[in-house]
Amino acid sequence: MSNGDMDNIKGKGKEGLGKVTGDKETEREGQMDQAKGKAKNAVEGAKDNLSQAAGKASDAADRK
């Protein structure tokens, strides 16, 4: 499980707690944690895609 997934889970819990208790600040913090988690996952996905593309380019260059 990635750091982004952990932030997302933590955020959902905080948001839910905020809704149940009527604490708007906790609810907003939860939403922000979820957004941070999604951003981290997007960055990790982009890194993985770039790494794969670089590997393919390197392999193609080696074959020539």
Protein backbone atom coordinates (compact mmCIF):
# COMPACT_ATOMS: atom_id res chain seq x y z
CA MET A 1 0.00 0.00 0.00
CA SER A 2 1.41 3.37 -1.02
CA ASN A 3 1.67 6.53 1.04
CA GLY A 4 -1.05 8.01 -1.15
CA ASP A 5 -3.38 5.16 -0.27
CA MET A 6 -2.67 5.66 3.43
CA ASP A 7 -3.45 9.39 3.16
CA ASN A 8 -6.66 8.58 1.33
CA ILE A 9 -7.79 6.10 3.99
CA LYS A 10 -6.85 8.48 6.81
CA GLY A 11 -8.70 11.28 5.04
CA LYS A 12 -11.87 9.26 4.62
CA GLY A 13 -11.83 8.47 8.32
CA LYS A 14 -11.30 12.10 9.29
CA GLU A 15 -13.98 13.30 6.91
CA GLY A 16 -16.45 10.75 8.28
CA LEU A 17 -15.61 11.67 11.87
CA GLY A 18 -16.05 15.34 11.06
CA LYS A 19 -19.46 14.69 9.50
CA VAL A 20 -20.65 12.61 12.45
CA THR A 21 -19.46 15.10 15.06
CA GLY A 22 -20.37 18.20 13.06
CA ASP A 23 -16.74 19.35 13.13
CA LYS A 24 -16.29 21.12 9.80
CA GLU A 25 -12.54 21.61 10.33
CA THR A 26 -11.94 17.87 10.78
CA GLU A 27 -14.14 17.18 7.78
CA ARG A 28 -12.09 19.61 5.64
CA GLU A 29 -8.82 18.11 6.91
CA GLY A 30 -10.08 14.72 5.80
CA GLN A 31 -10.91 16.03 2.36
CA MET A 32 -7.45 17.60 2.11
CA ASP A 33 -5.79 14.33 3.18
CA GLN A 34 -7.72 12.51 0.45
CA ALA A 35 -6.64 15.07 -2.16
CA LYS A 36 -3.04 14.73 -0.99
CA GLY A 37 -3.29 10.95 -1.31
CA LYS A 38 -4.67 11.18 -4.83
CA ALA A 39 -1.88 13.57 -5.80
CA LYS A 40 0.78 11.24 -4.37
CA ASN A 41 -0.69 8.32 -6.28
CA ALA A 42 -0.74 10.36 -9.50
CA VAL A 43 2.92 11.30 -9.07
CA GLU A 44 3.88 7.69 -8.37
CA GLY A 45 1.96 6.58 -11.47
CA ALA A 46 3.73 9.17 -13.60
CA LYS A 47 7.11 8.07 -12.23
CA ASP A 48 6.31 4.46 -13.07
CA ASN A 49 5.24 5.40 -16.60
CA LEU A 50 8.40 7.44 -17.19
CA SER A 51 10.56 4.65 -15.85
CA GLN A 52 8.90 2.12 -18.15
CA ALA A 53 9.25 4.44 -21.15
CA ALA A 54 12.93 5.03 -20.36
CA GLY A 55 13.50 1.30 -20.08
CA LYS A 56 11.84 0.66 -23.44
CA ALA A 57 13.86 3.45 -25.08
CA SER A 58 17.06 2.03 -23.62
CA ASP A 59 16.19 -1.46 -24.85
CA ALA A 60 15.42 -0.12 -28.32
CA ALA A 61 18.73 1.78 -28.43
CA ASP A 62 20.63 -1.33 -27.34
CA ARG A 63 19.13 -3.36 -30.20
CA LYS A 64 20.40 -0.96 -32.87
